[in-house]
Amino acid sequence: MKTLLSNAKVFTHGSFLETNVLIEDGVVFSLSDSIDVLAADPSVGVIDYSGKYIFPGFVDVHVHFREPGFLYKEDIATGSKAAAHGGYTHVFTMPNLNPVPDSIENMNEELKAIHEKACVKVYPYASITKGEKGEELVDFEEMTEYFELLDDGRTDDFEKKTHSGAIRLAGFSDDGTGVEGADHMEEAMTRVAALGGIISAHCEIKGILGGKNVHDGVLAKELGYRGISSESEWKMVERDIALSKETGCRYHVCHVSTKESVELIRNAKKEGVDITCETGPHYLLLNDEDVLAEVLKDKAADKSDNKTKYGLGRFKMNPPIRSEEDRKALIEGIKDGTVDMIATDHAPHSFEEKSKGFDGPMGVVGLECAFPVLYTGLVKTGVISLEKLIDLMSIKPSERFDVEHGIEVGMPADLTVFDLDEEYVIDPDTFASKGRFTPFDGRKVFGRCIATYVDGKTVF
């Protein structure tokens, strides 16, 4: 089957070209200005995308699909559909599951669900410690060898391929909790470095956390809460940078949110440490004063019986939305390359759980609105270019996490199509995800995903 995507502005080799993309047998067969001969061929399905933009599918290295163990929150089917709806073709699933994928046996439950249900390419993380308890390290060597066997097709447990990409290990992470034992992290880094793997770290020291709901700033003061300290994040980043430098381990920092973390990572890169990091849309576009304004609005709504359907729980995530100073530091970080990529930390919970507001669980959804809120908030306002945003959401994460990706001849046809002129309001009730709580509920945005292709097949 041949498919011709015609007349679009296509992102390839770092810039946009007005060209046509011919897809054959799941790969990009050609990029050409001439379509007359192809359009006349009855074996070619032609789709006219005049005025639209085609990007390499987005790559999110940090999502929670909740399967196995918490299917009432999300599952592989709904999570991958949400990804496709948002323009994502590759996602990396975190291991805070039940059972935790800390062994081959436990990992196989998640792999089976991915193989049977995923409509995009899903790469699972294994945990760093057994049960994510921070006490006993997993068998990194056995887990890595097992995935290499899957990649080589030398096991009968699963078919070799999920789409055209092998079922492969994303890396190792104890996301949801920090590995507080320095000796444990040092050994983990030493062993993972020997395997050529990567550690993605949730940086958080519980002993100096301070609070459990919101950042230690104006919002915490207004609500009378003990706030979550910035130090609880950056002190572990500081420790892990030293360990990465010592061990040579490829090290990735999850959901960076503080100005101190940004500066530590900037300096580490200058020193040659093999480090990358991500931040999320909410940390780039919101600060705790914005959340305070929503709290006051919510209180006023209580009196008028006009309360928002998805209440204050849509502003509770870990780490929390921090100060304007932190937000500005993150913006500078994405501009100068200190912050390598944007990940959503898509973390759905049930309506009942999140309806508890700031007393509910941490986590918000983001796959289906990340690009439009970032395009509207950063590109249309002139903060960064569209090319830079695609770099942050697609190119840089694929490079760091070894994903074969890009709209080039011979590459898998994993791409997404957007209408950048369409204006609309974010409505969580239209989401494919089971999660509904996003801090961008009701925000007016530009840029709607109109199609996503994985290996040349339409998945949205």
Protein backbone atom coordinates (compact mmCIF):
# COMPACT_ATOMS: atom_id res chain seq x y z
CA MET A 1 0.00 0.00 0.00
CA LYS A 2 1.26 3.44 -0.95
CA THR A 3 0.04 6.66 0.67
CA LEU A 4 0.90 10.15 -0.53
CA LEU A 5 0.60 13.00 1.95
CA SER A 6 0.53 16.01 -0.30
CA ASN A 7 1.03 19.78 -0.18
CA ALA A 8 1.99 20.09 3.48
CA LYS A 9 4.81 21.91 5.21
CA VAL A 10 7.03 19.04 6.35
CA PHE A 11 9.63 19.19 9.12
CA THR A 12 12.75 17.42 7.91
CA HIS A 13 16.44 17.91 8.73
CA GLY A 14 15.65 20.73 11.16
CA SER A 15 13.47 22.95 8.96
CA PHE A 16 10.20 23.06 7.05
CA LEU A 17 9.82 22.27 3.35
CA GLU A 18 6.68 22.45 1.26
CA THR A 19 6.80 18.94 -0.12
CA ASN A 20 4.98 15.63 -0.42
CA VAL A 21 5.61 12.50 1.64
CA LEU A 22 5.23 9.13 -0.08
CA ILE A 23 4.80 6.24 2.36
CA GLU A 24 5.30 2.67 1.21
CA ASP A 25 5.47 -0.48 3.35
CA GLY A 26 5.49 1.57 6.54
CA VAL A 27 8.49 3.75 5.72
CA VAL A 28 9.08 7.14 4.13
CA PHE A 29 9.77 6.17 0.51
CA SER A 30 10.35 9.62 -0.91
CA LEU A 31 10.05 13.37 -0.34
CA SER A 32 9.24 15.15 -3.58
CA ASP A 33 7.75 18.34 -4.98
CA SER A 34 6.31 16.46 -7.96
CA ILE A 35 3.14 14.40 -7.45
CA ASP A 36 1.55 14.32 -10.91
CA VAL A 37 2.67 10.79 -11.79
CA LEU A 38 1.96 9.43 -8.33
CA ALA A 39 -1.46 11.06 -8.07
CA ALA A 40 -2.46 9.39 -11.32
CA ASP A 41 -1.48 5.94 -9.99
CA PRO A 42 -4.63 4.16 -8.71
CA SER A 43 -2.52 2.16 -6.24
CA VAL A 44 -1.58 5.36 -4.39
CA GLY A 45 -3.93 6.81 -1.80
CA VAL A 46 -3.56 10.60 -1.91
CA ILE A 47 -4.39 12.76 1.11
CA ASP A 48 -4.29 16.50 0.55
CA TYR A 49 -2.86 18.33 3.57
CA SER A 50 -2.71 21.78 2.00
CA GLY A 51 -2.04 24.42 4.63
CA LYS A 52 -1.21 21.79 7.27
CA TYR A 53 2.05 20.89 9.00
CA ILE A 54 3.64 17.44 9.22
CA PHE A 55 6.02 16.78 12.12
CA PRO A 56 7.95 13.69 13.20
CA GLY A 57 5.66 12.08 15.78
CA PHE A 58 6.26 13.43 19.26
CA VAL A 59 8.33 11.33 21.69
CA ASP A 60 7.37 11.41 25.38
CA VAL A 61 9.96 9.79 27.63
CA HIS A 62 7.78 10.02 30.74
CA VAL A 63 4.20 8.72 30.90
CA HIS A 64 2.12 6.59 33.25
CA PHE A 65 -0.29 4.14 31.60
CA ARG A 66 -1.13 2.39 34.90
CA GLU A 67 -1.20 -1.17 33.50
CA PRO A 68 -0.82 -3.57 35.20
CA GLY A 69 -2.36 -2.79 38.56
CA PHE A 70 -4.37 0.40 38.20
CA LEU A 71 -6.55 -0.01 35.13
CA TYR A 72 -9.33 2.12 36.63
CA LYS A 73 -6.99 5.11 36.18
CA GLU A 74 -5.66 4.27 32.68
CA ASP A 75 -4.55 1.28 30.60
CA ILE A 76 -2.29 0.66 27.63
CA ALA A 77 -5.19 0.97 25.16
CA THR A 78 -6.55 4.29 26.46
CA GLY A 79 -3.12 5.71 27.18
CA SER A 80 -1.77 4.93 23.72
CA LYS A 81 -4.94 6.32 22.11
CA ALA A 82 -4.44 9.51 24.11
CA ALA A 83 -0.86 9.64 22.84
CA ALA A 84 -1.98 9.26 19.23
CA HIS A 85 -4.66 11.91 19.76
CA GLY A 86 -1.94 14.32 20.89
CA GLY A 87 0.47 13.57 18.03
CA TYR A 88 2.75 11.18 19.92
CA THR A 89 4.12 8.08 18.19
CA HIS A 90 6.58 6.95 20.89
CA VAL A 91 6.05 6.90 24.66
CA PHE A 92 8.10 5.57 27.58
CA THR A 93 6.05 4.12 30.45
CA MET A 94 7.12 4.49 34.06
CA PRO A 95 7.32 1.50 36.42
CA ASN A 96 5.21 2.52 39.43
CA LEU A 97 2.82 -0.32 38.69
CA ASN A 98 1.50 -3.43 40.42
CA PRO A 99 3.48 -5.58 40.12
CA VAL A 100 6.46 -3.27 39.75
CA PRO A 101 8.45 -4.37 36.67
CA ASP A 102 11.50 -5.27 38.74
CA SER A 103 11.96 -8.77 37.27
CA ILE A 104 11.39 -10.50 33.96
CA GLU A 105 8.30 -12.21 35.34
CA ASN A 106 6.74 -8.95 36.46
CA MET A 107 7.79 -7.08 33.33
CA ASN A 108 6.07 -9.68 31.13
CA GLU A 109 2.63 -8.56 32.32
CA GLU A 110 3.25 -5.08 30.96
CA LEU A 111 4.88 -6.36 27.78
CA LYS A 112 1.89 -8.58 27.03
CA ALA A 113 -0.48 -5.61 27.40
CA ILE A 114 1.73 -3.44 25.20
CA HIS A 115 1.86 -6.11 22.51
CA GLU A 116 -1.90 -6.65 22.53
CA LYS A 117 -3.24 -3.13 23.04
CA ALA A 118 -0.82 -0.37 22.06
CA CYS A 119 -1.54 1.71 18.96
CA VAL A 120 1.72 3.69 19.28
CA LYS A 121 5.24 2.53 20.12
CA VAL A 122 5.48 1.93 23.86
CA TYR A 123 8.81 1.36 25.62
CA PRO A 124 8.68 0.36 29.32
CA TYR A 125 11.10 1.30 32.06
CA ALA A 126 12.20 -1.28 34.61
CA SER A 127 12.61 -0.09 38.17
CA ILE A 128 15.98 0.62 39.77
CA THR A 129 15.11 -1.08 43.06
CA LYS A 130 12.88 -4.02 43.94
CA GLY A 131 9.33 -2.78 44.44
CA GLU A 132 10.67 0.78 44.12
CA LYS A 133 11.46 0.56 47.84
CA GLY A 134 15.02 1.84 47.57
CA GLU A 135 16.45 -1.18 49.38
CA GLU A 136 17.53 -3.89 46.91
CA LEU A 137 18.71 -3.27 43.35
CA VAL A 138 17.10 -5.09 40.44
CA ASP A 139 19.08 -7.47 38.24
CA PHE A 140 20.04 -4.92 35.59
CA GLU A 141 22.10 -7.42 33.63
CA GLU A 142 19.37 -10.05 33.39
CA MET A 143 16.73 -7.48 32.41
CA THR A 144 18.93 -5.96 29.72
CA GLU A 145 19.88 -9.36 28.30
CA TYR A 146 16.22 -10.37 28.15
CA PHE A 147 15.29 -7.31 26.10
CA GLU A 148 18.24 -7.91 23.80
CA LEU A 149 16.85 -11.40 23.16
CA LEU A 150 13.45 -9.90 22.39
CA ASP A 151 15.11 -7.49 19.99
CA ASP A 152 16.89 -10.36 18.25
CA GLY A 153 13.69 -12.39 18.01
CA ARG A 154 15.25 -15.34 19.84
CA THR A 155 12.45 -15.87 22.35
CA ASP A 156 8.95 -17.21 21.91
CA ASP A 157 7.48 -15.22 24.81
CA PHE A 158 6.44 -12.35 22.55
CA GLU A 159 6.55 -11.60 18.87
CA LYS A 160 9.66 -9.67 17.93
CA LYS A 161 7.99 -6.50 16.80
CA THR A 162 5.52 -3.96 18.07
CA HIS A 163 4.92 -2.15 14.80
CA SER A 164 8.36 -1.78 13.19
CA GLY A 165 10.12 -1.07 16.49
CA ALA A 166 11.39 -3.91 18.63
CA ILE A 167 9.92 -4.33 22.10
CA ARG A 168 12.79 -2.76 23.96
CA LEU A 169 13.76 -1.52 27.39
CA ALA A 170 13.48 2.24 27.91
CA GLY A 171 15.90 2.35 30.82
CA PHE A 172 15.75 2.16 34.60
CA SER A 173 13.78 4.46 36.91
CA ASP A 174 12.14 4.51 40.32
CA ASP A 175 9.82 7.28 39.19
CA GLY A 176 7.42 8.35 41.90
CA THR A 177 10.15 8.17 44.50
CA GLY A 178 13.79 9.12 44.78
CA VAL A 179 16.58 6.58 45.36
CA GLU A 180 17.77 8.08 48.62
CA GLY A 181 20.65 5.75 49.35
CA ALA A 182 23.75 7.19 47.68
CA ASP A 183 25.46 3.78 47.84
CA HIS A 184 22.53 2.18 46.04
CA MET A 185 22.51 4.82 43.32
CA GLU A 186 26.28 4.62 42.88
CA GLU A 187 26.12 0.85 42.40
CA ALA A 188 23.13 1.18 40.08
CA MET A 189 24.95 3.74 37.94
CA THR A 190 28.11 1.65 37.81
CA ARG A 191 26.23 -1.44 36.63
CA VAL A 192 23.96 0.38 34.20
CA ALA A 193 26.95 2.23 32.73
CA ALA A 194 28.61 -1.11 32.02
CA LEU A 195 25.51 -2.13 30.07
CA GLY A 196 25.32 1.13 28.11
CA GLY A 197 21.90 1.83 29.62
CA ILE A 198 20.34 4.97 31.02
CA ILE A 199 18.96 5.91 34.44
CA SER A 200 16.02 8.32 34.57
CA ALA A 201 15.84 9.73 38.06
CA HIS A 202 12.96 11.11 40.06
CA CYS A 203 14.90 13.49 42.31
CA GLU A 204 13.27 13.93 45.69
CA ILE A 205 14.58 13.69 49.25
CA LYS A 206 11.67 12.97 51.56
CA GLY A 207 13.43 14.15 54.71
CA ILE A 208 13.59 17.73 53.47
CA LEU A 209 10.37 17.70 51.43
CA GLY A 210 8.59 19.99 53.87
CA GLY A 211 5.04 19.55 52.65
CA LYS A 212 2.95 17.30 50.43
CA ASN A 213 0.58 19.51 48.43
CA VAL A 214 2.05 22.65 46.84
CA HIS A 215 5.34 24.52 46.37
CA ASP A 216 6.76 26.42 49.32
CA GLY A 217 5.78 29.86 48.04
CA VAL A 218 2.88 32.30 47.84
CA LEU A 219 0.24 29.59 47.37
CA ALA A 220 1.38 27.59 50.39
CA LYS A 221 1.39 30.74 52.50
CA GLU A 222 -2.12 31.71 51.38
CA LEU A 223 -3.51 28.23 52.07
CA GLY A 224 -1.64 27.78 55.35
CA TYR A 225 0.20 24.71 54.06
CA ARG A 226 3.73 23.58 54.71
CA GLY A 227 5.19 23.92 51.25
CA ILE A 228 7.26 21.45 49.25
CA SER A 229 10.83 22.71 49.25
CA SER A 230 12.91 23.28 46.14
CA GLU A 231 15.89 21.83 47.99
CA SER A 232 14.24 18.40 48.10
CA GLU A 233 14.68 18.26 44.31
CA TRP A 234 17.97 19.99 43.63
CA LYS A 235 19.97 18.40 46.43
CA MET A 236 19.42 14.96 44.87
CA VAL A 237 20.20 16.33 41.41
CA GLU A 238 23.45 17.64 42.86
CA ARG A 239 24.32 14.26 44.39
CA ASP A 240 23.48 12.32 41.23
CA ILE A 241 25.53 14.62 39.02
CA ALA A 242 28.58 13.76 41.12
CA LEU A 243 27.77 10.03 40.86
CA SER A 244 27.22 10.23 37.11
CA LYS A 245 30.53 12.03 36.70
CA GLU A 246 32.27 9.36 38.75
CA THR A 247 30.64 6.31 37.12
CA GLY A 248 30.19 7.56 33.54
CA CYS A 249 26.54 6.51 33.61
CA ARG A 250 24.12 8.05 31.13
CA TYR A 251 21.89 10.06 33.46
CA HIS A 252 18.54 11.72 32.80
CA VAL A 253 16.69 13.95 35.27
CA CYS A 254 12.91 13.67 35.28
CA HIS A 255 10.52 16.65 35.53
CA VAL A 256 12.98 19.40 36.46
CA SER A 257 11.13 22.24 38.17
CA THR A 258 13.58 24.46 40.09
CA LYS A 259 16.03 27.16 39.08
CA GLU A 260 18.74 25.50 41.18
CA SER A 261 18.37 22.22 39.27
CA VAL A 262 18.66 24.07 35.96
CA GLU A 263 21.89 25.75 37.03
CA LEU A 264 23.38 22.51 38.37
CA ILE A 265 22.62 20.72 35.10
CA ARG A 266 23.97 23.62 33.04
CA ASN A 267 27.28 23.48 34.92
CA ALA A 268 27.42 19.67 34.75
CA LYS A 269 27.10 19.78 30.98
CA LYS A 270 29.96 22.25 30.79
CA GLU A 271 32.03 19.77 32.77
CA GLY A 272 31.24 16.98 30.31
CA VAL A 273 28.88 14.95 32.49
CA ASP A 274 26.64 12.65 30.40
CA ILE A 275 23.42 14.27 31.60
CA THR A 276 20.11 15.31 30.07
CA CYS A 277 16.85 16.48 31.58
CA GLU A 278 13.20 17.10 30.85
CA THR A 279 10.59 19.51 32.09
CA GLY A 280 6.82 19.61 31.63
CA PRO A 281 4.40 22.00 29.93
CA HIS A 282 2.90 23.10 33.26
CA TYR A 283 6.30 24.15 34.64
CA LEU A 284 6.98 26.25 31.54
CA LEU A 285 3.59 27.96 31.36
CA LEU A 286 2.37 28.31 34.96
CA ASN A 287 3.60 29.52 38.33
CA ASP A 288 2.17 29.22 41.84
CA GLU A 289 0.65 32.68 41.61
CA ASP A 290 -1.42 31.45 38.66
CA VAL A 291 -2.58 28.54 40.79
CA LEU A 292 -3.44 30.92 43.64
CA ALA A 293 -5.62 32.92 41.25
CA GLU A 294 -7.46 29.69 40.38
CA VAL A 295 -7.89 28.87 44.08
CA LEU A 296 -9.48 32.27 44.68
CA LYS A 297 -11.68 31.81 41.63
CA ASP A 298 -12.69 28.39 42.93
CA LYS A 299 -13.61 29.84 46.32
CA ALA A 300 -15.76 32.48 44.67
CA ALA A 301 -17.43 29.78 42.58
CA ASP A 302 -18.37 27.92 45.76
CA LYS A 303 -20.61 30.82 46.71
CA SER A 304 -22.27 31.03 43.32
CA ASP A 305 -22.68 27.26 42.71
CA ASN A 306 -20.64 27.73 39.54
CA LYS A 307 -17.71 25.57 40.53
CA THR A 308 -15.37 24.16 37.90
CA LYS A 309 -16.15 20.51 37.09
CA TYR A 310 -12.51 19.49 37.36
CA GLY A 311 -11.45 21.34 40.47
CA LEU A 312 -8.16 22.16 42.14
CA GLY A 313 -6.88 18.62 41.76
CA ARG A 314 -5.91 19.63 38.25
CA PHE A 315 -3.09 21.70 39.77
CA LYS A 316 -1.60 19.00 41.99
CA MET A 317 1.39 17.15 40.59
CA ASN A 318 4.87 16.10 41.72
CA PRO A 319 7.00 18.16 41.66
CA PRO A 320 4.58 21.05 42.16
CA ILE A 321 4.15 24.12 40.01
CA ARG A 322 6.74 26.48 41.43
CA SER A 323 7.55 30.22 41.43
CA GLU A 324 7.77 32.64 38.52
CA GLU A 325 11.52 32.77 39.08
CA ASP A 326 11.70 29.01 38.59
CA ARG A 327 9.51 29.18 35.48
CA LYS A 328 11.74 31.83 33.92
CA ALA A 329 14.83 29.75 34.67
CA LEU A 330 13.25 26.78 32.87
CA ILE A 331 12.47 28.98 29.86
CA GLU A 332 16.10 30.09 29.74
CA GLY A 333 17.07 26.44 30.08
CA ILE A 334 15.14 25.37 27.00
CA LYS A 335 16.51 28.33 25.06
CA ASP A 336 20.17 27.58 25.78
CA GLY A 337 19.89 23.80 25.61
CA THR A 338 20.28 23.07 29.31
CA VAL A 339 16.78 21.59 29.32
CA ASP A 340 16.87 19.03 26.54
CA MET A 341 13.26 18.00 26.09
CA ILE A 342 9.66 18.37 27.17
CA ALA A 343 7.80 15.40 28.64
CA THR A 344 4.22 15.44 29.88
CA ASP A 345 4.50 13.16 32.95
CA HIS A 346 0.99 12.08 31.89
CA ALA A 347 -0.34 10.66 35.18
CA PRO A 348 -4.08 9.94 35.23
CA HIS A 349 -6.14 9.22 38.33
CA SER A 350 -9.84 8.59 38.79
CA PHE A 351 -12.40 11.39 39.13
CA GLU A 352 -13.09 10.35 42.72
CA GLU A 353 -9.40 10.54 43.65
CA LYS A 354 -8.65 13.87 42.02
CA SER A 355 -11.88 15.45 43.24
CA LYS A 356 -10.25 15.69 46.66
CA GLY A 357 -8.34 18.70 45.35
CA PHE A 358 -5.00 19.36 47.03
CA ASP A 359 -5.66 16.43 49.36
CA GLY A 360 -5.88 14.01 46.45
CA PRO A 361 -3.08 12.15 44.66
CA MET A 362 -0.37 13.88 42.66
CA GLY A 363 -0.56 13.72 38.89
CA VAL A 364 -2.24 15.37 35.90
CA VAL A 365 -2.78 14.36 32.29
CA GLY A 366 -1.06 16.03 29.38
CA LEU A 367 -0.64 13.96 26.23
CA GLU A 368 -3.67 15.38 24.41
CA CYS A 369 -3.01 19.05 25.07
CA ALA A 370 0.78 19.40 25.37
CA PHE A 371 1.52 20.61 21.86
CA PRO A 372 -1.34 23.13 21.54
CA VAL A 373 -0.66 24.75 24.93
CA LEU A 374 3.07 24.97 24.22
CA TYR A 375 2.58 26.19 20.67
CA THR A 376 0.13 28.84 21.86
CA GLY A 377 2.07 29.83 24.98
CA LEU A 378 5.63 29.73 23.68
CA VAL A 379 5.68 29.83 19.87
CA LYS A 380 2.86 32.25 19.07
CA THR A 381 4.16 34.59 21.78
CA GLY A 382 7.66 34.57 20.28
CA VAL A 383 9.44 32.88 23.18
CA ILE A 384 10.79 30.06 20.99
CA SER A 385 10.43 29.04 17.35
CA LEU A 386 8.22 26.24 16.05
CA GLU A 387 11.38 24.43 14.97
CA LYS A 388 12.69 24.60 18.54
CA LEU A 389 9.44 23.19 19.92
CA ILE A 390 9.61 20.22 17.53
CA ASP A 391 13.22 19.71 18.58
CA LEU A 392 12.16 19.61 22.25
CA MET A 393 9.18 17.31 21.73
CA SER A 394 10.48 14.96 19.05
CA ILE A 395 14.10 15.21 17.95
CA LYS A 396 16.01 15.56 21.22
CA PRO A 397 14.13 12.83 23.12
CA SER A 398 14.52 10.40 20.23
CA GLU A 399 18.25 11.10 20.04
CA ARG A 400 18.85 10.68 23.76
CA PHE A 401 16.79 7.51 24.08
CA ASP A 402 18.03 5.89 20.87
CA VAL A 403 14.80 5.96 18.88
CA GLU A 404 15.09 5.68 15.09
CA HIS A 405 13.06 8.71 14.14
CA GLY A 406 12.60 11.57 11.70
CA ILE A 407 10.90 12.30 8.39
CA GLU A 408 13.65 11.07 6.11
CA VAL A 409 13.75 8.55 3.27
CA GLY A 410 14.01 5.03 4.65
CA MET A 411 12.83 5.93 8.15
CA PRO A 412 9.66 4.49 9.73
CA ALA A 413 6.68 6.67 8.78
CA ASP A 414 5.94 7.79 12.35
CA LEU A 415 4.52 11.27 11.97
CA THR A 416 1.72 13.60 12.95
CA VAL A 417 -0.30 16.23 11.09
CA PHE A 418 -1.46 19.50 12.66
CA ASP A 419 -3.70 22.36 11.65
CA LEU A 420 -1.93 25.27 13.33
CA ASP A 421 -4.63 27.77 12.43
CA GLU A 422 -7.48 26.05 14.26
CA GLU A 423 -8.45 27.78 17.48
CA TYR A 424 -10.38 25.93 20.18
CA VAL A 425 -10.73 25.44 23.92
CA ILE A 426 -9.15 22.53 25.80
CA ASP A 427 -12.01 20.26 26.88
CA PRO A 428 -10.99 17.22 28.97
CA ASP A 429 -14.32 15.54 28.20
CA THR A 430 -13.06 14.96 24.65
CA PHE A 431 -9.93 13.12 25.82
CA ALA A 432 -9.27 9.50 24.91
CA SER A 433 -7.46 9.13 28.25
CA LYS A 434 -9.42 8.02 31.28
CA GLY A 435 -7.84 10.97 33.08
CA ARG A 436 -9.57 14.35 32.96
CA PHE A 437 -7.55 16.56 35.27
CA THR A 438 -5.28 18.98 33.44
CA PRO A 439 -4.22 22.47 34.55
CA PHE A 440 -5.04 23.65 31.02
CA ASP A 441 -8.74 22.82 31.22
CA GLY A 442 -10.65 25.65 29.49
CA ARG A 443 -7.57 27.28 27.96
CA LYS A 444 -7.98 28.75 24.47
CA VAL A 445 -5.30 27.34 22.15
CA PHE A 446 -4.19 27.05 18.53
CA GLY A 447 -3.04 23.85 16.84
CA ARG A 448 -5.18 20.74 16.54
CA CYS A 449 -3.86 17.29 15.73
CA ILE A 450 -5.78 15.98 12.72
CA ALA A 451 -3.88 12.73 12.08
CA THR A 452 -1.15 10.53 13.52
CA TYR A 453 0.62 7.76 11.60
CA VAL A 454 2.63 4.88 13.05
CA ASP A 455 4.55 2.85 10.48
CA GLY A 456 2.49 4.57 7.83
CA LYS A 457 -0.83 3.46 9.29
CA THR A 458 -3.35 5.93 10.65
CA VAL A 459 -3.75 5.48 14.41
CA PHE A 460 -5.67 8.73 14.87
